[in-house]
Amino acid sequence: MGKVRNLRLIVAGAALLSSATAATARPPETLVLIPSSGANLAFVPPADAQSNPADEAIEAFRRAISQAALLQREQIQATCRTAQPQGGTREQRFAWAANCQYARR
């Protein structure tokens, strides 16, 4: 008798929870996809937005990180063009392969 009562309480509780969830769910929003052709996707603030020093600092930091990453890629490419995989220690050959093996293709 106790097991049947517990089962009834579990079923009743699950029914209440599922009906409450269905009642509070919002309708799905439409998904808008815009095809891009490799364009530089950057945040464009609304026209009425005020200049915020924090946003400007974040944008300057993003630019600095992007420039540093580009410089690092260019340095690796230059090293790969000048360095040869032959010779050197095993660790040096492994480092060359890790950095340059796929860049040469």
PDB file of N, CA and C in Angstrom:
ATOM      1  N   MET A   1       0.823  -1.187   0.000  1.00  0.00           N
ATOM      2  CA  MET A   1       0.000   0.000   0.000  1.00  0.00           C
ATOM      3  C   MET A   1       0.871   1.256   0.000  1.00  0.00           C
ATOM      4  N   GLY A   2       1.945   1.221   0.744  1.00  0.00           N
ATOM      5  CA  GLY A   2       2.829   2.378   0.817  1.00  0.00           C
ATOM      6  C   GLY A   2       3.538   2.646  -0.500  1.00  0.00           C
ATOM      7  N   LYS A   3       3.894   1.552  -1.228  1.00  0.00           N
ATOM      8  CA  LYS A   3       4.585   1.718  -2.499  1.00  0.00           C
ATOM      9  C   LYS A   3       3.652   2.319  -3.546  1.00  0.00           C
ATOM     10  N   VAL A   4       2.405   1.915  -3.528  1.00  0.00           N
ATOM     11  CA  VAL A   4       1.430   2.436  -4.480  1.00  0.00           C
ATOM     12  C   VAL A   4       1.197   3.915  -4.215  1.00  0.00           C
ATOM     13  N   ARG A   5       1.122   4.289  -2.960  1.00  0.00           N
ATOM     14  CA  ARG A   5       0.913   5.687  -2.596  1.00  0.00           C
ATOM     15  C   ARG A   5       2.099   6.523  -3.038  1.00  0.00           C
ATOM     16  N   ASN A   6       3.319   6.035  -2.797  1.00  0.00           N
ATOM     17  CA  ASN A   6       4.504   6.767  -3.229  1.00  0.00           C
ATOM     18  C   ASN A   6       4.535   6.914  -4.747  1.00  0.00           C
ATOM     19  N   LEU A   7       4.159   5.861  -5.457  1.00  0.00           N
ATOM     20  CA  LEU A   7       4.142   5.907  -6.913  1.00  0.00           C
ATOM     21  C   LEU A   7       3.134   6.938  -7.406  1.00  0.00           C
ATOM     22  N   ARG A   8       1.960   6.978  -6.745  1.00  0.00           N
ATOM     23  CA  ARG A   8       0.943   7.965  -7.125  1.00  0.00           C
ATOM     24  C   ARG A   8       1.441   9.383  -6.874  1.00  0.00           C
ATOM     25  N   LEU A   9       2.142   9.601  -5.768  1.00  0.00           N
ATOM     26  CA  LEU A   9       2.674  10.929  -5.465  1.00  0.00           C
ATOM     27  C   LEU A   9       3.749  11.333  -6.480  1.00  0.00           C
ATOM     28  N   ILE A  10       4.570  10.386  -6.878  1.00  0.00           N
ATOM     29  CA  ILE A  10       5.604  10.675  -7.858  1.00  0.00           C
ATOM     30  C   ILE A  10       4.984  11.036  -9.205  1.00  0.00           C
ATOM     31  N   VAL A  11       3.999  10.266  -9.625  1.00  0.00           N
ATOM     32  CA  VAL A  11       3.331  10.536 -10.902  1.00  0.00           C
ATOM     33  C   VAL A  11       2.614  11.885 -10.840  1.00  0.00           C
ATOM     34  N   ALA A  12       1.935  12.172  -9.741  1.00  0.00           N
ATOM     35  CA  ALA A  12       1.227  13.441  -9.609  1.00  0.00           C
ATOM     36  C   ALA A  12       2.213  14.605  -9.608  1.00  0.00           C
ATOM     37  N   GLY A  13       3.327  14.451  -8.920  1.00  0.00           N
ATOM     38  CA  GLY A  13       4.337  15.515  -8.892  1.00  0.00           C
ATOM     39  C   GLY A  13       4.955  15.755 -10.257  1.00  0.00           C
ATOM     40  N   ALA A  14       5.235  14.681 -10.979  1.00  0.00           N
ATOM     41  CA  ALA A  14       5.796  14.823 -12.324  1.00  0.00           C
ATOM     42  C   ALA A  14       4.806  15.506 -13.255  1.00  0.00           C
ATOM     43  N   ALA A  15       3.520  15.178 -13.127  1.00  0.00           N
ATOM     44  CA  ALA A  15       2.498  15.808 -13.966  1.00  0.00           C
ATOM     45  C   ALA A  15       2.395  17.297 -13.659  1.00  0.00           C
ATOM     46  N   LEU A  16       2.458  17.660 -12.384  1.00  0.00           N
ATOM     47  CA  LEU A  16       2.401  19.074 -12.019  1.00  0.00           C
ATOM     48  C   LEU A  16       3.616  19.835 -12.543  1.00  0.00           C
ATOM     49  N   LEU A  17       4.772  19.230 -12.417  1.00  0.00           N
ATOM     50  CA  LEU A  17       5.978  19.898 -12.892  1.00  0.00           C
ATOM     51  C   LEU A  17       5.973  20.081 -14.405  1.00  0.00           C
ATOM     52  N   SER A  18       5.532  19.071 -15.123  1.00  0.00           N
ATOM     53  CA  SER A  18       5.526  19.180 -16.584  1.00  0.00           C
ATOM     54  C   SER A  18       4.486  20.186 -17.057  1.00  0.00           C
ATOM     55  N   SER A  19       3.349  20.268 -16.382  1.00  0.00           N
ATOM     56  CA  SER A  19       2.329  21.236 -16.794  1.00  0.00           C
ATOM     57  C   SER A  19       2.773  22.651 -16.452  1.00  0.00           C
ATOM     58  N   ALA A  20       3.489  22.837 -15.355  1.00  0.00           N
ATOM     59  CA  ALA A  20       3.972  24.163 -14.985  1.00  0.00           C
ATOM     60  C   ALA A  20       5.052  24.626 -15.954  1.00  0.00           C
ATOM     61  N   THR A  21       5.884  23.722 -16.395  1.00  0.00           N
ATOM     62  CA  THR A  21       6.938  24.074 -17.338  1.00  0.00           C
ATOM     63  C   THR A  21       6.345  24.452 -18.687  1.00  0.00           C
ATOM     64  N   ALA A  22       5.360  23.728 -19.137  1.00  0.00           N
ATOM     65  CA  ALA A  22       4.744  24.017 -20.423  1.00  0.00           C
ATOM     66  C   ALA A  22       4.012  25.351 -20.384  1.00  0.00           C
ATOM     67  N   ALA A  23       3.444  25.713 -19.252  1.00  0.00           N
ATOM     68  CA  ALA A  23       2.690  26.955 -19.159  1.00  0.00           C
ATOM     69  C   ALA A  23       3.616  28.169 -19.135  1.00  0.00           C
ATOM     70  N   THR A  24       4.821  28.026 -18.620  1.00  0.00           N
ATOM     71  CA  THR A  24       5.705  29.181 -18.497  1.00  0.00           C
ATOM     72  C   THR A  24       6.683  29.318 -19.661  1.00  0.00           C
ATOM     73  N   ALA A  25       6.697  28.371 -20.579  1.00  0.00           N
ATOM     74  CA  ALA A  25       7.641  28.437 -21.693  1.00  0.00           C
ATOM     75  C   ALA A  25       7.219  29.521 -22.673  1.00  0.00           C
ATOM     76  N   ARG A  26       8.219  30.297 -23.134  1.00  0.00           N
ATOM     77  CA  ARG A  26       7.953  31.333 -24.119  1.00  0.00           C
ATOM     78  C   ARG A  26       7.969  30.725 -25.513  1.00  0.00           C
ATOM     79  N   PRO A  27       7.297  31.346 -26.448  1.00  0.00           N
ATOM     80  CA  PRO A  27       7.352  30.826 -27.821  1.00  0.00           C
ATOM     81  C   PRO A  27       8.767  30.987 -28.375  1.00  0.00           C
ATOM     82  N   PRO A  28       9.182  30.096 -29.263  1.00  0.00           N
ATOM     83  CA  PRO A  28      10.545  30.174 -29.783  1.00  0.00           C
ATOM     84  C   PRO A  28      10.746  31.433 -30.624  1.00  0.00           C
ATOM     85  N   GLU A  29      11.951  31.999 -30.529  1.00  0.00           N
ATOM     86  CA  GLU A  29      12.280  33.181 -31.314  1.00  0.00           C
ATOM     87  C   GLU A  29      12.781  32.733 -32.675  1.00  0.00           C
ATOM     88  N   THR A  30      12.576  33.586 -33.654  1.00  0.00           N
ATOM     89  CA  THR A  30      13.051  33.243 -34.985  1.00  0.00           C
ATOM     90  C   THR A  30      14.555  33.455 -35.044  1.00  0.00           C
ATOM     91  N   LEU A  31      15.235  32.591 -35.766  1.00  0.00           N
ATOM     92  CA  LEU A  31      16.673  32.670 -35.918  1.00  0.00           C
ATOM     93  C   LEU A  31      16.969  33.306 -37.262  1.00  0.00           C
ATOM     94  N   VAL A  32      17.704  34.402 -37.231  1.00  0.00           N
ATOM     95  CA  VAL A  32      18.044  35.112 -38.455  1.00  0.00           C
ATOM     96  C   VAL A  32      19.504  34.842 -38.762  1.00  0.00           C
ATOM     97  N   LEU A  33      19.770  34.246 -39.928  1.00  0.00           N
ATOM     98  CA  LEU A  33      21.126  33.959 -40.361  1.00  0.00           C
ATOM     99  C   LEU A  33      21.475  34.883 -41.509  1.00  0.00           C
ATOM    100  N   ILE A  34      22.644  35.503 -41.401  1.00  0.00           N
ATOM    101  CA  ILE A  34      23.118  36.394 -42.440  1.00  0.00           C
ATOM    102  C   ILE A  34      24.407  35.801 -42.992  1.00  0.00           C
ATOM    103  N   PRO A  35      24.431  35.434 -44.267  1.00  0.00           N
ATOM    104  CA  PRO A  35      25.664  34.860 -44.814  1.00  0.00           C
ATOM    105  C   PRO A  35      26.755  35.916 -44.889  1.00  0.00           C
ATOM    106  N   SER A  36      27.958  35.520 -44.548  1.00  0.00           N
ATOM    107  CA  SER A  36      29.087  36.438 -44.632  1.00  0.00           C
ATOM    108  C   SER A  36      30.161  35.806 -45.494  1.00  0.00           C
ATOM    109  N   SER A  37      30.885  36.622 -46.163  1.00  0.00           N
ATOM    110  CA  SER A  37      31.926  36.116 -47.055  1.00  0.00           C
ATOM    111  C   SER A  37      33.297  36.381 -46.450  1.00  0.00           C
ATOM    112  N   GLY A  38      33.500  35.950 -45.222  1.00  0.00           N
ATOM    113  CA  GLY A  38      34.799  36.127 -44.582  1.00  0.00           C
ATOM    114  C   GLY A  38      35.065  37.561 -44.163  1.00  0.00           C
ATOM    115  N   ALA A  39      34.026  38.334 -44.029  1.00  0.00           N
ATOM    116  CA  ALA A  39      34.202  39.731 -43.635  1.00  0.00           C
ATOM    117  C   ALA A  39      34.638  39.814 -42.178  1.00  0.00           C
ATOM    118  N   ASN A  40      35.258  40.903 -41.832  1.00  0.00           N
ATOM    119  CA  ASN A  40      35.676  41.120 -40.455  1.00  0.00           C
ATOM    120  C   ASN A  40      34.435  41.412 -39.626  1.00  0.00           C
ATOM    121  N   LEU A  41      34.063  40.478 -38.777  1.00  0.00           N
ATOM    122  CA  LEU A  41      32.878  40.645 -37.954  1.00  0.00           C
ATOM    123  C   LEU A  41      33.280  41.316 -36.655  1.00  0.00           C
ATOM    124  N   ALA A  42      32.817  42.496 -36.460  1.00  0.00           N
ATOM    125  CA  ALA A  42      33.123  43.242 -35.249  1.00  0.00           C
ATOM    126  C   ALA A  42      31.827  43.817 -34.702  1.00  0.00           C
ATOM    127  N   PHE A  43      31.825  44.081 -33.424  1.00  0.00           N
ATOM    128  CA  PHE A  43      30.647  44.649 -32.775  1.00  0.00           C
ATOM    129  C   PHE A  43      30.467  46.082 -33.234  1.00  0.00           C
ATOM    130  N   VAL A  44      29.288  46.395 -33.705  1.00  0.00           N
ATOM    131  CA  VAL A  44      28.966  47.754 -34.108  1.00  0.00           C
ATOM    132  C   VAL A  44      27.944  48.283 -33.116  1.00  0.00           C
ATOM    133  N   PRO A  45      28.347  49.273 -32.314  1.00  0.00           N
ATOM    134  CA  PRO A  45      27.400  49.788 -31.324  1.00  0.00           C
ATOM    135  C   PRO A  45      26.270  50.559 -32.001  1.00  0.00           C
ATOM    136  N   PRO A  46      25.138  50.636 -31.348  1.00  0.00           N
ATOM    137  CA  PRO A  46      24.031  51.404 -31.907  1.00  0.00           C
ATOM    138  C   PRO A  46      24.426  52.862 -32.100  1.00  0.00           C
ATOM    139  N   ALA A  47      23.751  53.540 -33.015  1.00  0.00           N
ATOM    140  CA  ALA A  47      24.088  54.922 -33.333  1.00  0.00           C
ATOM    141  C   ALA A  47      23.863  55.852 -32.139  1.00  0.00           C
ATOM    142  N   ASP A  48      22.910  55.535 -31.294  1.00  0.00           N
ATOM    143  CA  ASP A  48      22.604  56.408 -30.168  1.00  0.00           C
ATOM    144  C   ASP A  48      23.416  56.083 -28.918  1.00  0.00           C
ATOM    145  N   ALA A  49      24.363  55.170 -29.016  1.00  0.00           N
ATOM    146  CA  ALA A  49      25.153  54.772 -27.841  1.00  0.00           C
ATOM    147  C   ALA A  49      26.167  55.859 -27.494  1.00  0.00           C
ATOM    148  N   GLN A  50      26.348  56.072 -26.226  1.00  0.00           N
ATOM    149  CA  GLN A  50      27.323  57.036 -25.740  1.00  0.00           C
ATOM    150  C   GLN A  50      28.704  56.408 -25.710  1.00  0.00           C
ATOM    151  N   SER A  51      29.721  57.215 -25.870  1.00  0.00           N
ATOM    152  CA  SER A  51      31.094  56.732 -25.811  1.00  0.00           C
ATOM    153  C   SER A  51      31.406  56.312 -24.380  1.00  0.00           C
ATOM    154  N   ASN A  52      31.846  55.074 -24.216  1.00  0.00           N
ATOM    155  CA  ASN A  52      32.146  54.535 -22.902  1.00  0.00           C
ATOM    156  C   ASN A  52      33.644  54.245 -22.833  1.00  0.00           C
ATOM    157  N   PRO A  53      34.345  54.798 -21.849  1.00  0.00           N
ATOM    158  CA  PRO A  53      35.788  54.561 -21.760  1.00  0.00           C
ATOM    159  C   PRO A  53      36.138  53.081 -21.585  1.00  0.00           C
ATOM    160  N   ALA A  54      35.294  52.334 -20.920  1.00  0.00           N
ATOM    161  CA  ALA A  54      35.566  50.905 -20.734  1.00  0.00           C
ATOM    162  C   ALA A  54      35.485  50.178 -22.072  1.00  0.00           C
ATOM    163  N   ASP A  55      34.482  50.517 -22.890  1.00  0.00           N
ATOM    164  CA  ASP A  55      34.361  49.897 -24.202  1.00  0.00           C
ATOM    165  C   ASP A  55      35.543  50.249 -25.092  1.00  0.00           C
ATOM    166  N   GLU A  56      35.982  51.497 -25.004  1.00  0.00           N
ATOM    167  CA  GLU A  56      37.138  51.921 -25.799  1.00  0.00           C
ATOM    168  C   GLU A  56      38.394  51.183 -25.350  1.00  0.00           C
ATOM    169  N   ALA A  57      38.563  50.975 -24.051  1.00  0.00           N
ATOM    170  CA  ALA A  57      39.724  50.244 -23.550  1.00  0.00           C
ATOM    171  C   ALA A  57      39.673  48.780 -23.985  1.00  0.00           C
ATOM    172  N   ILE A  58      38.504  48.193 -23.968  1.00  0.00           N
ATOM    173  CA  ILE A  58      38.353  46.802 -24.403  1.00  0.00           C
ATOM    174  C   ILE A  58      38.675  46.689 -25.890  1.00  0.00           C
ATOM    175  N   GLU A  59      38.206  47.637 -26.683  1.00  0.00           N
ATOM    176  CA  GLU A  59      38.484  47.618 -28.120  1.00  0.00           C
ATOM    177  C   GLU A  59      39.983  47.804 -28.385  1.00  0.00           C
ATOM    178  N   ALA A  60      40.629  48.677 -27.650  1.00  0.00           N
ATOM    179  CA  ALA A  60      42.078  48.867 -27.812  1.00  0.00           C
ATOM    180  C   ALA A  60      42.831  47.598 -27.421  1.00  0.00           C
ATOM    181  N   PHE A  61      42.389  46.934 -26.368  1.00  0.00           N
ATOM    182  CA  PHE A  61      43.013  45.684 -25.944  1.00  0.00           C
ATOM    183  C   PHE A  61      42.817  44.606 -27.006  1.00  0.00           C
ATOM    184  N   ARG A  62      41.620  44.522 -27.582  1.00  0.00           N
ATOM    185  CA  ARG A  62      41.350  43.553 -28.637  1.00  0.00           C
ATOM    186  C   ARG A  62      42.247  43.795 -29.844  1.00  0.00           C
ATOM    187  N   ARG A  63      42.411  45.074 -30.218  1.00  0.00           N
ATOM    188  CA  ARG A  63      43.287  45.408 -31.339  1.00  0.00           C
ATOM    189  C   ARG A  63      44.727  45.017 -31.047  1.00  0.00           C
ATOM    190  N   ALA A  64      45.194  45.284 -29.820  1.00  0.00           N
ATOM    191  CA  ALA A  64      46.572  44.949 -29.447  1.00  0.00           C
ATOM    192  C   ALA A  64      46.792  43.437 -29.476  1.00  0.00           C
ATOM    193  N   ILE A  65      45.844  42.673 -28.987  1.00  0.00           N
ATOM    194  CA  ILE A  65      45.961  41.210 -28.998  1.00  0.00           C
ATOM    195  C   ILE A  65      45.948  40.700 -30.434  1.00  0.00           C
ATOM    196  N   SER A  66      45.083  41.253 -31.274  1.00  0.00           N
ATOM    197  CA  SER A  66      45.021  40.828 -32.668  1.00  0.00           C
ATOM    198  C   SER A  66      46.328  41.123 -33.387  1.00  0.00           C
ATOM    199  N   GLN A  67      46.905  42.295 -33.138  1.00  0.00           N
ATOM    200  CA  GLN A  67      48.180  42.646 -33.769  1.00  0.00           C
ATOM    201  C   GLN A  67      49.303  41.744 -33.275  1.00  0.00           C
ATOM    202  N   ALA A  68      49.303  41.417 -31.990  1.00  0.00           N
ATOM    203  CA  ALA A  68      50.337  40.532 -31.444  1.00  0.00           C
ATOM    204  C   ALA A  68      50.215  39.128 -32.026  1.00  0.00           C
ATOM    205  N   ALA A  69      48.995  38.642 -32.188  1.00  0.00           N
ATOM    206  CA  ALA A  69      48.796  37.318 -32.773  1.00  0.00           C
ATOM    207  C   ALA A  69      49.238  37.303 -34.232  1.00  0.00           C
ATOM    208  N   LEU A  70      48.929  38.367 -34.976  1.00  0.00           N
ATOM    209  CA  LEU A  70      49.360  38.455 -36.369  1.00  0.00           C
ATOM    210  C   LEU A  70      50.879  38.501 -36.464  1.00  0.00           C
ATOM    211  N   LEU A  71      51.519  39.276 -35.590  1.00  0.00           N
ATOM    212  CA  LEU A  71      52.978  39.346 -35.572  1.00  0.00           C
ATOM    213  C   LEU A  71      53.591  37.995 -35.247  1.00  0.00           C
ATOM    214  N   GLN A  72      53.007  37.279 -34.307  1.00  0.00           N
ATOM    215  CA  GLN A  72      53.514  35.954 -33.956  1.00  0.00           C
ATOM    216  C   GLN A  72      53.389  34.986 -35.129  1.00  0.00           C
ATOM    217  N   ARG A  73      52.236  35.006 -35.832  1.00  0.00           N
ATOM    218  CA  ARG A  73      52.074  34.144 -37.008  1.00  0.00           C
ATOM    219  C   ARG A  73      53.097  34.481 -38.084  1.00  0.00           C
ATOM    220  N   GLU A  74      53.329  35.777 -38.312  1.00  0.00           N
ATOM    221  CA  GLU A  74      54.307  36.181 -39.323  1.00  0.00           C
ATOM    222  C   GLU A  74      55.717  35.746 -38.936  1.00  0.00           C
ATOM    223  N   GLN A  75      56.051  35.839 -37.645  1.00  0.00           N
ATOM    224  CA  GLN A  75      57.375  35.400 -37.190  1.00  0.00           C
ATOM    225  C   GLN A  75      57.541  33.896 -37.374  1.00  0.00           C
ATOM    226  N   ILE A  76      56.517  33.130 -37.077  1.00  0.00           N
ATOM    227  CA  ILE A  76      56.583  31.682 -37.247  1.00  0.00           C
ATOM    228  C   ILE A  76      56.744  31.345 -38.728  1.00  0.00           C
ATOM    229  N   GLN A  77      55.999  32.033 -39.592  1.00  0.00           N
ATOM    230  CA  GLN A  77      56.118  31.787 -41.023  1.00  0.00           C
ATOM    231  C   GLN A  77      57.512  32.128 -41.529  1.00  0.00           C
ATOM    232  N   ALA A  78      58.084  33.241 -41.049  1.00  0.00           N
ATOM    233  CA  ALA A  78      59.435  33.618 -41.464  1.00  0.00           C
ATOM    234  C   ALA A  78      60.449  32.590 -40.983  1.00  0.00           C
ATOM    235  N   THR A  79      60.286  32.104 -39.764  1.00  0.00           N
ATOM    236  CA  THR A  79      61.189  31.086 -39.236  1.00  0.00           C
ATOM    237  C   THR A  79      61.068  29.796 -40.035  1.00  0.00           C
ATOM    238  N   CYS A  80      59.863  29.441 -40.404  1.00  0.00           N
ATOM    239  CA  CYS A  80      59.649  28.213 -41.172  1.00  0.00           C
ATOM    240  C   CYS A  80      60.258  28.320 -42.571  1.00  0.00           C
ATOM    241  N   ARG A  81      60.233  29.524 -43.161  1.00  0.00           N
ATOM    242  CA  ARG A  81      60.823  29.690 -44.487  1.00  0.00           C
ATOM    243  C   ARG A  81      62.340  29.581 -44.440  1.00  0.00           C
ATOM    244  N   THR A  82      62.959  30.067 -43.376  1.00  0.00           N
ATOM    245  CA  THR A  82      64.420  30.079 -43.309  1.00  0.00           C
ATOM    246  C   THR A  82      64.990  28.816 -42.687  1.00  0.00           C
ATOM    247  N   ALA A  83      64.292  28.215 -41.751  1.00  0.00           N
ATOM    248  CA  ALA A  83      64.823  27.044 -41.037  1.00  0.00           C
ATOM    249  C   ALA A  83      64.629  25.791 -41.857  1.00  0.00           C
ATOM    250  N   GLN A  84      65.511  24.843 -41.668  1.00  0.00           N
ATOM    251  CA  GLN A  84      65.435  23.559 -42.347  1.00  0.00           C
ATOM    252  C   GLN A  84      65.125  22.479 -41.313  1.00  0.00           C
ATOM    253  N   PRO A  85      64.335  21.464 -41.685  1.00  0.00           N
ATOM    254  CA  PRO A  85      63.994  20.417 -40.727  1.00  0.00           C
ATOM    255  C   PRO A  85      65.161  19.479 -40.432  1.00  0.00           C
ATOM    256  N   GLN A  86      66.181  19.437 -41.284  1.00  0.00           N
ATOM    257  CA  GLN A  86      67.299  18.542 -41.068  1.00  0.00           C
ATOM    258  C   GLN A  86      68.243  19.135 -40.029  1.00  0.00           C
ATOM    259  N   GLY A  87      69.000  18.271 -39.397  1.00  0.00           N
ATOM    260  CA  GLY A  87      69.994  18.713 -38.426  1.00  0.00           C
ATOM    261  C   GLY A  87      69.347  19.094 -37.105  1.00  0.00           C
ATOM    262  N   GLY A  88      70.179  19.425 -36.170  1.00  0.00           N
ATOM    263  CA  GLY A  88      69.687  19.821 -34.866  1.00  0.00           C
ATOM    264  C   GLY A  88      69.337  18.615 -34.025  1.00  0.00           C
ATOM    265  N   THR A  89      68.931  18.894 -32.840  1.00  0.00           N
ATOM    266  CA  THR A  89      68.571  17.820 -31.930  1.00  0.00           C
ATOM    267  C   THR A  89      67.166  17.320 -32.246  1.00  0.00           C
ATOM    268  N   ARG A  90      66.802  16.251 -31.602  1.00  0.00           N
ATOM    269  CA  ARG A  90      65.473  15.675 -31.800  1.00  0.00           C
ATOM    270  C   ARG A  90      64.396  16.667 -31.370  1.00  0.00           C
ATOM    271  N   GLU A  91      64.630  17.383 -30.287  1.00  0.00           N
ATOM    272  CA  GLU A  91      63.653  18.352 -29.792  1.00  0.00           C
ATOM    273  C   GLU A  91      63.490  19.509 -30.770  1.00  0.00           C
ATOM    274  N   GLN A  92      64.599  19.942 -31.393  1.00  0.00           N
ATOM    275  CA  GLN A  92      64.512  21.029 -32.363  1.00  0.00           C
ATOM    276  C   GLN A  92      63.744  20.600 -33.605  1.00  0.00           C
ATOM    277  N   ARG A  93      63.965  19.376 -34.074  1.00  0.00           N
ATOM    278  CA  ARG A  93      63.223  18.874 -35.233  1.00  0.00           C
ATOM    279  C   ARG A  93      61.735  18.735 -34.905  1.00  0.00           C
ATOM    280  N   PHE A  94      61.435  18.293 -33.688  1.00  0.00           N
ATOM    281  CA  PHE A  94      60.033  18.165 -33.271  1.00  0.00           C
ATOM    282  C   PHE A  94      59.369  19.541 -33.199  1.00  0.00           C
ATOM    283  N   ALA A  95      60.092  20.539 -32.654  1.00  0.00           N
ATOM    284  CA  ALA A  95      59.543  21.896 -32.572  1.00  0.00           C
ATOM    285  C   ALA A  95      59.301  22.458 -33.968  1.00  0.00           C
ATOM    286  N   TRP A  96      60.240  22.198 -34.900  1.00  0.00           N
ATOM    287  CA  TRP A  96      60.053  22.670 -36.273  1.00  0.00           C
ATOM    288  C   TRP A  96      58.804  22.019 -36.879  1.00  0.00           C
ATOM    289  N   ALA A  97      58.658  20.720 -36.685  1.00  0.00           N
ATOM    290  CA  ALA A  97      57.506  20.013 -37.248  1.00  0.00           C
ATOM    291  C   ALA A  97      56.203  20.530 -36.650  1.00  0.00           C
ATOM    292  N   ALA A  98      56.204  20.811 -35.362  1.00  0.00           N
ATOM    293  CA  ALA A  98      54.981  21.302 -34.709  1.00  0.00           C
ATOM    294  C   ALA A  98      54.581  22.671 -35.247  1.00  0.00           C
ATOM    295  N   ASN A  99      55.561  23.518 -35.576  1.00  0.00           N
ATOM    296  CA  ASN A  99      55.263  24.875 -36.033  1.00  0.00           C
ATOM    297  C   ASN A  99      55.136  24.980 -37.547  1.00  0.00           C
ATOM    298  N   CYS A 100      55.901  24.198 -38.281  1.00  0.00           N
ATOM    299  CA  CYS A 100      56.045  24.456 -39.713  1.00  0.00           C
ATOM    300  C   CYS A 100      55.498  23.372 -40.627  1.00  0.00           C
ATOM    301  N   GLN A 101      55.256  22.205 -40.152  1.00  0.00           N
ATOM    302  CA  GLN A 101      54.891  21.110 -41.029  1.00  0.00           C
ATOM    303  C   GLN A 101      53.647  21.414 -41.857  1.00  0.00           C
ATOM    304  N   TYR A 102      52.624  21.942 -41.245  1.00  0.00           N
ATOM    305  CA  TYR A 102      51.379  22.208 -41.964  1.00  0.00           C
ATOM    306  C   TYR A 102      51.373  23.582 -42.621  1.00  0.00           C
ATOM    307  N   ALA A 103      52.268  24.469 -42.205  1.00  0.00           N
ATOM    308  CA  ALA A 103      52.320  25.807 -42.803  1.00  0.00           C
ATOM    309  C   ALA A 103      52.913  25.758 -44.199  1.00  0.00           C
ATOM    310  N   ARG A 104      53.728  24.763 -44.513  1.00  0.00           N
ATOM    311  CA  ARG A 104      54.385  24.665 -45.816  1.00  0.00           C
ATOM    312  C   ARG A 104      53.474  24.106 -46.879  1.00  0.00           C
ATOM    313  N   ARG A 105      52.384  23.498 -46.535  1.00  0.00           N
ATOM    314  CA  ARG A 105      51.515  22.873 -47.534  1.00  0.00           C
ATOM    315  C   ARG A 105      50.665  23.885 -48.249  1.00  0.00           C
TER     316      ARG A 105
END
